[in-house]
Every structure is written in C-alpha cells, then in structure tokens.
Amino acid sequence: MSSDAPDSSLTKSPAGFLYVLLIAATAVNLTANLIADVTLFRLDATLCPPDVTMCHPDLTPCHPEQAQPAGWVSWLIRISKPMLVPALAGILFLSTRGVASTIRRGSFYVALLFCWVGDIALLISTAVPSTEPDYFFFVGLGAFGVAHLFFIWSYAPRDKQELRWMSFVYGLPFVVYGYTLYSVIYHSLVEPKQHATVQALSIAGYMVVLLSNGVTALLRLRANTQIRESSASILAGVVLFVQSDSIIAITRYVSVMPLERFSIMATYILGLYLMVRGCFLEPREGQLSRPTAQPEARPETPPTMQAAA
C-alpha cells in the first residue's frame, strides 16, 4: 500500500506512523476474520445450510450472523476495525494538504466519517444479541448510504459539458448487477416478518445509492482523460466496495459462504484504500499533465548591428 504514497510518506512522521498503523490494523483484522471463518464455518453451515431456502422456500430464512467469533479473536476484530478509516483519513490529509485538487476533499472526509460510523454500528450489531429487526445493522446501513452520497459529490465531474450521453450507457452493468442481486435476496426480504416492507425498501434504497457511486466513478473516468490513473483507482475501489456489500447481502439473506468475513473485510479495506489513493494521485497527475512553459526565445541580433559592433 505504501508504494504510491507521495513524498516517501513511509519515511516521515506522522505519515509513516499512519501507514504502519494501517498495515498493522489490516493484518490483525484480516487474520482474525480468517481464523473466525475457519473455526466457525461448520457452525454457520449447521445454523443455515446452503440449500435451505432452495429446497424449502417456505421456511423462514436463518441468519448466519448468529455464529459470531468470541474470545480473543472477537477482541482483535473490535480493536482493529475502528482504526482503519481514521488511518486512511490521516494519510489522505497528510498527502494532499496545501495541494489543489478537482476532488472535493471536504466531502470525501465527511464520507469517510460516515464509513467509520457504519463500521462501529456493524460491530455493535454483531456484539449484541440478535433482534428482529437488527436496529444497529440498519443504522450502519444508513451511515454507509450517507457516505456514498458524499463520495458521489466529492468526485462527480464538475463540468457537465464533459459528460456524453454514451458515458451513461457504460453504467448499465451496474444497473443490471443491482437488479440481479436484489432479485436474489428479495425472497428473504419479503418473508412474513415484522417490518418486512421497511427492510426491503431500505435495502433497495441503499443499493441505488451504492450503485450510483459506481456510475459516478465511471463517469469521472470517462470525463477526465488527463487523470486516468486517479480515476481508475477510484473506480476500482468503488467496485470492490460494491463487492464487499454484495457478500454481506448474500451471507445475511441467502446463504453462508466460505471465508465470508475475510472476503468482506479484504474487499472493503482494499476498496477504501484505492479510493483514497485516487484522491492523492489526482493532484500529481494534474501537475504532470500540464504543459511546461517554454523559455522565451531571445531575439537575434540584426547583421548590421553585429557589423557595427
């Protein structure tokens, strides 16, 4: 993660400390989630067999979140996860302070703040006894939904003339993907249960905002030809964010998956990092793409003046 940091951040404090903190928190979190996946997968499968909704569509879907890591593994997850977003925000601030950018960084910082709130809410959701509905889960869902709105505003193209109608056609894969995923989880959302309609509408609204973030990142890539690497990094990060949320939706409402906790956090952390990376690459790409000023040519001395001299 450190090779793209400007000004050799790893060798300087406090930026170097933040990179070390990010790498350490990532390693601890992913390791703890991997251990939880390996030790709890059989229990997850017992609580919710992968084919339960397919073979018995009339059964009320179960929730794999009932099997949660405990002991020191749980504490490692709870300690490391809240460190991730603050470390990324600090790295972004130290890498871009005093540098002009087309990205609205204030909005981006607010988005990271809501991501952190969502992380805390989801941690609480897994720590407290499960309820129906899971209020902390939907608090986290709402926080991430607001975060995506601020992400959209932070790097949406400023000049609407740069957008071409054909660019929106390239966003259709996000629409088709959202329709497909929602169709897969819809049966579990509308089962006869309390607050079923509110839950289904909440998930649908969040998916619209999430996929709009992906379309916005794609439009930025299409509109800004001089900052390709920055825009591509942001788009890749958003796509990984979408994948992380998709795994959450599948494992929560459809079936358990091998290494689900590890996969969710790995795609989430890498996605956020790539989005932050795109933010501090953008000013550097903008400077490199500007034409360098050519030195003014000195007027030649007329031959008559040279002879007189």
Protein backbone atom coordinates (compact mmCIF):
# COMPACT_ATOMS: atom_id res chain seq x y z
CA MET A 1 0.00 0.00 0.00
CA SER A 2 2.90 2.33 0.51
CA SER A 3 4.48 2.44 -2.94
CA ASP A 4 2.05 5.08 -4.22
CA ALA A 5 2.39 7.49 -1.31
CA PRO A 6 3.85 10.81 -2.40
CA ASP A 7 6.96 12.29 -0.84
CA SER A 8 8.10 8.96 0.63
CA SER A 9 5.48 9.07 3.37
CA LEU A 10 6.69 5.86 4.97
CA THR A 11 9.93 7.51 5.97
CA LYS A 12 8.32 10.57 7.51
CA SER A 13 6.38 11.08 10.71
CA PRO A 14 3.46 11.20 11.37
CA ALA A 15 2.54 9.90 7.90
CA GLY A 16 4.85 6.94 8.37
CA PHE A 17 3.16 6.10 11.66
CA LEU A 18 -0.25 6.15 9.98
CA TYR A 19 0.93 3.78 7.25
CA VAL A 20 2.32 1.40 9.86
CA LEU A 21 -0.93 1.65 11.81
CA LEU A 22 -2.98 0.94 8.68
CA ILE A 23 -0.88 -2.07 7.69
CA ALA A 24 -0.89 -3.47 11.23
CA ALA A 25 -4.64 -2.97 11.71
CA THR A 26 -5.31 -4.55 8.31
CA ALA A 27 -3.12 -7.56 9.07
CA VAL A 28 -4.67 -8.10 12.50
CA ASN A 29 -8.23 -7.67 11.25
CA LEU A 30 -7.87 -9.97 8.23
CA THR A 31 -6.05 -12.61 10.27
CA ALA A 32 -8.71 -12.57 12.98
CA ASN A 33 -11.51 -12.78 10.42
CA LEU A 34 -9.75 -15.63 8.64
CA ILE A 35 -9.45 -17.55 11.92
CA ALA A 36 -13.14 -16.88 12.61
CA ASP A 37 -14.10 -18.15 9.17
CA VAL A 38 -12.10 -21.35 9.52
CA THR A 39 -13.35 -22.13 13.03
CA LEU A 40 -16.99 -21.08 12.58
CA PHE A 41 -17.80 -22.18 9.04
CA ARG A 42 -19.17 -25.56 10.12
CA LEU A 43 -21.31 -23.89 12.75
CA ASP A 44 -22.57 -21.38 10.19
CA ALA A 45 -23.49 -24.19 7.81
CA THR A 46 -25.33 -26.02 10.60
CA LEU A 47 -27.33 -22.91 11.51
CA CYS A 48 -28.12 -22.15 7.88
CA PRO A 49 -27.46 -24.92 5.34
CA PRO A 50 -26.52 -23.51 1.93
CA ASP A 51 -29.54 -25.10 0.23
CA VAL A 52 -32.16 -24.43 2.90
CA THR A 53 -34.02 -21.70 1.02
CA MET A 54 -33.77 -23.54 -2.29
CA CYS A 55 -35.12 -26.86 -1.01
CA HIS A 56 -37.57 -25.38 1.47
CA PRO A 57 -38.77 -21.99 0.18
CA ASP A 58 -41.49 -21.82 2.83
CA LEU A 59 -39.03 -21.81 5.71
CA THR A 60 -38.10 -18.55 7.38
CA PRO A 61 -34.52 -17.76 6.34
CA CYS A 62 -32.00 -18.02 9.12
CA HIS A 63 -29.20 -15.56 9.75
CA PRO A 64 -25.60 -16.77 9.69
CA GLU A 65 -24.66 -13.80 11.91
CA GLN A 66 -25.85 -15.88 14.86
CA ALA A 67 -22.45 -17.62 14.84
CA GLN A 68 -20.02 -14.90 15.85
CA PRO A 69 -16.38 -15.09 16.89
CA ALA A 70 -15.73 -14.93 20.60
CA GLY A 71 -12.80 -14.55 22.96
CA TRP A 72 -9.54 -13.04 21.78
CA VAL A 73 -10.50 -13.31 18.09
CA SER A 74 -13.53 -11.12 18.71
CA TRP A 75 -11.46 -8.57 20.61
CA LEU A 76 -8.87 -8.38 17.82
CA ILE A 77 -11.63 -7.59 15.34
CA ARG A 78 -13.22 -4.98 17.60
CA ILE A 79 -9.90 -3.25 18.27
CA SER A 80 -8.51 -3.27 14.72
CA LYS A 81 -11.58 -2.36 12.66
CA PRO A 82 -12.15 1.15 14.13
CA MET A 83 -8.51 2.04 13.34
CA LEU A 84 -8.80 1.53 9.57
CA VAL A 85 -10.79 4.56 8.41
CA PRO A 86 -9.06 7.12 10.70
CA ALA A 87 -5.68 5.91 9.43
CA LEU A 88 -6.80 6.30 5.82
CA ALA A 89 -8.21 9.77 6.52
CA GLY A 90 -4.96 10.84 8.16
CA ILE A 91 -2.90 9.52 5.25
CA LEU A 92 -5.09 11.43 2.80
CA PHE A 93 -4.81 14.64 4.79
CA LEU A 94 -1.03 14.50 5.12
CA SER A 95 -0.60 13.53 1.46
CA THR A 96 -2.74 16.31 0.00
CA ARG A 97 -2.65 19.27 2.40
CA GLY A 98 -1.96 22.52 0.63
CA VAL A 99 -2.40 20.92 -2.81
CA ALA A 100 -5.19 21.99 -5.17
CA SER A 101 -7.49 19.26 -6.46
CA THR A 102 -10.65 18.83 -8.50
CA ILE A 103 -11.88 16.39 -5.85
CA ARG A 104 -14.00 17.99 -3.14
CA ARG A 105 -11.90 16.68 -0.28
CA GLY A 106 -14.14 18.12 2.43
CA SER A 107 -16.99 15.98 1.16
CA PHE A 108 -14.65 12.99 0.93
CA TYR A 109 -13.64 13.39 4.59
CA VAL A 110 -17.31 13.51 5.62
CA ALA A 111 -17.88 10.30 3.64
CA LEU A 112 -15.02 8.61 5.50
CA LEU A 113 -16.51 9.79 8.79
CA PHE A 114 -19.82 8.10 7.98
CA CYS A 115 -17.95 4.96 6.92
CA TRP A 116 -16.36 4.91 10.37
CA VAL A 117 -19.78 5.36 12.00
CA GLY A 118 -21.06 2.47 9.90
CA ASP A 119 -18.15 0.29 10.99
CA ILE A 120 -18.91 0.96 14.65
CA ALA A 121 -22.63 0.27 14.18
CA LEU A 122 -21.95 -3.05 12.46
CA LEU A 123 -19.52 -4.03 15.20
CA ILE A 124 -22.22 -3.37 17.79
CA SER A 125 -24.69 -5.31 15.65
CA THR A 126 -22.52 -8.42 15.85
CA ALA A 127 -21.74 -7.94 19.55
CA VAL A 128 -25.27 -7.60 20.94
CA PRO A 129 -27.88 -10.39 20.91
CA SER A 130 -29.66 -10.58 17.56
CA THR A 131 -33.06 -8.90 17.31
CA GLU A 132 -35.63 -8.56 14.57
CA PRO A 133 -35.18 -6.06 13.08
CA ASP A 134 -31.49 -5.57 13.73
CA TYR A 135 -31.50 -1.85 14.51
CA PHE A 136 -27.73 -1.44 14.63
CA PHE A 137 -27.38 -3.14 11.25
CA PHE A 138 -29.76 -0.63 9.70
CA VAL A 139 -28.00 2.25 11.47
CA GLY A 140 -24.81 1.06 9.82
CA LEU A 141 -26.63 0.70 6.52
CA GLY A 142 -27.89 4.27 6.76
CA ALA A 143 -24.43 5.59 7.68
CA PHE A 144 -22.85 3.91 4.67
CA GLY A 145 -25.69 5.18 2.48
CA VAL A 146 -24.94 8.76 3.53
CA ALA A 147 -21.23 8.07 3.00
CA HIS A 148 -21.88 7.07 -0.61
CA LEU A 149 -23.83 10.27 -1.21
CA PHE A 150 -20.82 12.30 -0.05
CA PHE A 151 -18.48 10.12 -2.12
CA ILE A 152 -20.62 10.86 -5.17
CA TRP A 153 -20.47 14.59 -4.55
CA SER A 154 -16.74 14.55 -3.85
CA TYR A 155 -15.61 13.27 -7.24
CA ALA A 156 -18.60 13.90 -9.50
CA PRO A 157 -17.47 15.69 -12.70
CA ARG A 158 -17.77 19.44 -12.23
CA ASP A 159 -18.16 20.35 -15.89
CA LYS A 160 -21.38 18.84 -17.18
CA GLN A 161 -20.23 19.53 -20.75
CA GLU A 162 -17.57 16.85 -20.27
CA LEU A 163 -20.28 14.21 -19.94
CA ARG A 164 -21.55 12.46 -23.02
CA TRP A 165 -24.77 10.51 -23.18
CA MET A 166 -22.83 7.46 -24.30
CA SER A 167 -20.99 7.54 -20.97
CA PHE A 168 -24.22 6.64 -19.15
CA VAL A 169 -24.53 3.53 -21.32
CA TYR A 170 -21.33 2.23 -19.76
CA GLY A 171 -23.06 2.46 -16.38
CA LEU A 172 -25.69 -0.10 -17.37
CA PRO A 173 -23.65 -3.04 -15.97
CA PHE A 174 -24.09 -1.52 -12.50
CA VAL A 175 -27.85 -1.34 -13.06
CA VAL A 176 -28.06 -4.93 -14.27
CA TYR A 177 -25.88 -6.12 -11.40
CA GLY A 178 -28.07 -4.34 -8.85
CA TYR A 179 -31.24 -5.81 -10.35
CA THR A 180 -29.76 -9.31 -10.31
CA LEU A 181 -28.51 -9.11 -6.72
CA TYR A 182 -31.76 -7.64 -5.42
CA SER A 183 -33.71 -10.37 -7.19
CA VAL A 184 -31.59 -12.99 -5.42
CA ILE A 185 -32.16 -11.59 -1.92
CA TYR A 186 -35.72 -10.34 -2.47
CA HIS A 187 -37.37 -13.58 -1.32
CA SER A 188 -35.67 -13.35 2.07
CA LEU A 189 -36.53 -9.66 2.42
CA VAL A 190 -40.28 -10.11 1.98
CA GLU A 191 -40.77 -13.21 4.12
CA PRO A 192 -43.72 -12.84 6.53
CA LYS A 193 -41.99 -10.96 9.32
CA GLN A 194 -42.27 -7.71 11.20
CA HIS A 195 -41.08 -4.59 9.32
CA ALA A 196 -40.57 -6.63 6.12
CA THR A 197 -41.61 -3.77 3.82
CA VAL A 198 -39.38 -1.25 5.56
CA GLN A 199 -36.47 -3.66 5.40
CA ALA A 200 -36.97 -4.35 1.68
CA LEU A 201 -37.24 -0.63 0.85
CA SER A 202 -34.17 0.19 2.97
CA ILE A 203 -32.05 -2.37 1.15
CA ALA A 204 -33.36 -1.22 -2.23
CA GLY A 205 -32.60 2.43 -1.43
CA TYR A 206 -29.12 1.61 -0.26
CA MET A 207 -28.40 -0.38 -3.42
CA VAL A 208 -29.50 2.55 -5.59
CA VAL A 209 -27.11 4.90 -3.78
CA LEU A 210 -24.27 2.35 -3.77
CA LEU A 211 -24.52 1.62 -7.50
CA SER A 212 -24.90 5.35 -8.26
CA ASN A 213 -21.50 5.77 -6.64
CA GLY A 214 -20.12 3.24 -9.11
CA VAL A 215 -21.70 5.01 -12.07
CA THR A 216 -20.31 8.35 -10.87
CA ALA A 217 -16.80 6.90 -10.60
CA LEU A 218 -17.15 5.55 -14.13
CA LEU A 219 -18.33 8.92 -15.45
CA ARG A 220 -15.30 10.55 -13.82
CA LEU A 221 -13.03 8.11 -15.64
CA ARG A 222 -14.73 8.84 -18.93
CA ALA A 223 -14.78 12.63 -18.48
CA ASN A 224 -11.23 13.24 -17.24
CA THR A 225 -8.70 11.99 -19.75
CA GLN A 226 -5.74 13.71 -18.06
CA ILE A 227 -6.11 11.94 -14.70
CA ARG A 228 -6.69 8.38 -15.85
CA GLU A 229 -4.77 6.62 -13.09
CA SER A 230 -6.54 8.55 -10.34
CA SER A 231 -9.99 7.93 -11.81
CA ALA A 232 -9.23 4.26 -12.48
CA SER A 233 -8.09 3.81 -8.87
CA ILE A 234 -11.31 5.38 -7.57
CA LEU A 235 -13.45 3.23 -9.87
CA ALA A 236 -11.65 0.03 -8.85
CA GLY A 237 -12.11 0.98 -5.20
CA VAL A 238 -15.84 1.57 -5.63
CA VAL A 239 -16.26 -1.75 -7.45
CA LEU A 240 -14.55 -3.56 -4.56
CA PHE A 241 -16.80 -1.67 -2.13
CA VAL A 242 -19.81 -2.95 -4.11
CA GLN A 243 -18.45 -6.50 -3.93
CA SER A 244 -17.96 -6.24 -0.17
CA ASP A 245 -21.57 -5.13 0.35
CA SER A 246 -22.77 -7.82 -2.03
CA ILE A 247 -21.11 -10.53 0.06
CA ILE A 248 -22.77 -9.07 3.15
CA ALA A 249 -26.16 -9.21 1.44
CA ILE A 250 -25.70 -12.79 0.23
CA THR A 251 -24.44 -14.13 3.56
CA ARG A 252 -27.07 -12.28 5.56
CA TYR A 253 -30.14 -13.08 3.48
CA VAL A 254 -29.35 -16.09 1.30
CA SER A 255 -26.63 -18.49 2.43
CA VAL A 256 -23.29 -18.77 4.15
CA MET A 257 -20.09 -18.61 2.10
CA PRO A 258 -16.58 -19.92 2.75
CA LEU A 259 -14.28 -17.22 4.11
CA GLU A 260 -17.12 -14.70 4.11
CA ARG A 261 -15.79 -12.50 6.93
CA PHE A 262 -12.31 -12.38 5.42
CA SER A 263 -13.73 -11.62 1.95
CA ILE A 264 -15.96 -8.84 3.24
CA MET A 265 -13.15 -7.05 5.06
CA ALA A 266 -10.48 -7.65 2.40
CA THR A 267 -12.59 -6.11 -0.37
CA TYR A 268 -13.75 -3.29 1.92
CA ILE A 269 -10.26 -2.30 3.08
CA LEU A 270 -8.71 -2.54 -0.37
CA GLY A 271 -11.63 -0.66 -1.91
CA LEU A 272 -11.37 2.24 0.54
CA TYR A 273 -7.60 2.38 0.11
CA LEU A 274 -7.88 2.57 -3.69
CA MET A 275 -10.42 5.38 -3.39
CA VAL A 276 -8.09 7.30 -1.06
CA ARG A 277 -5.17 6.53 -3.38
CA GLY A 278 -7.08 8.04 -6.28
CA CYS A 279 -7.52 11.23 -4.26
CA PHE A 280 -3.83 11.81 -3.61
CA LEU A 281 -2.81 10.69 -7.11
CA GLU A 282 -5.09 13.25 -8.75
CA PRO A 283 -3.08 16.41 -7.93
CA ARG A 284 0.16 14.74 -9.01
CA GLU A 285 -1.32 13.59 -12.33
CA GLY A 286 -2.76 17.06 -12.89
CA GLN A 287 0.67 18.64 -12.47
CA LEU A 288 2.31 16.15 -14.83
CA SER A 289 -0.35 16.69 -17.50
CA ARG A 290 0.07 20.48 -17.59
CA PRO A 291 2.22 21.73 -20.46
CA THR A 292 5.54 23.05 -19.27
CA ALA A 293 6.25 26.67 -20.04
CA GLN A 294 8.76 27.07 -22.87
CA PRO A 295 11.51 29.66 -22.37
CA GLU A 296 11.07 32.73 -24.47
CA ALA A 297 13.40 32.85 -27.45
CA ARG A 298 15.83 35.74 -27.38
CA PRO A 299 15.62 37.97 -30.48
CA GLU A 300 18.52 37.53 -32.83
CA THR A 301 20.82 40.49 -33.32
CA PRO A 302 20.43 42.00 -36.84
CA PRO A 303 23.53 41.58 -39.05
CA THR A 304 24.01 45.36 -39.39
CA MET A 305 24.27 45.72 -35.61
CA GLN A 306 26.76 42.86 -35.43
CA ALA A 307 28.93 44.56 -38.10
CA ALA A 308 28.75 47.87 -36.28
CA ALA A 309 29.83 46.18 -33.06
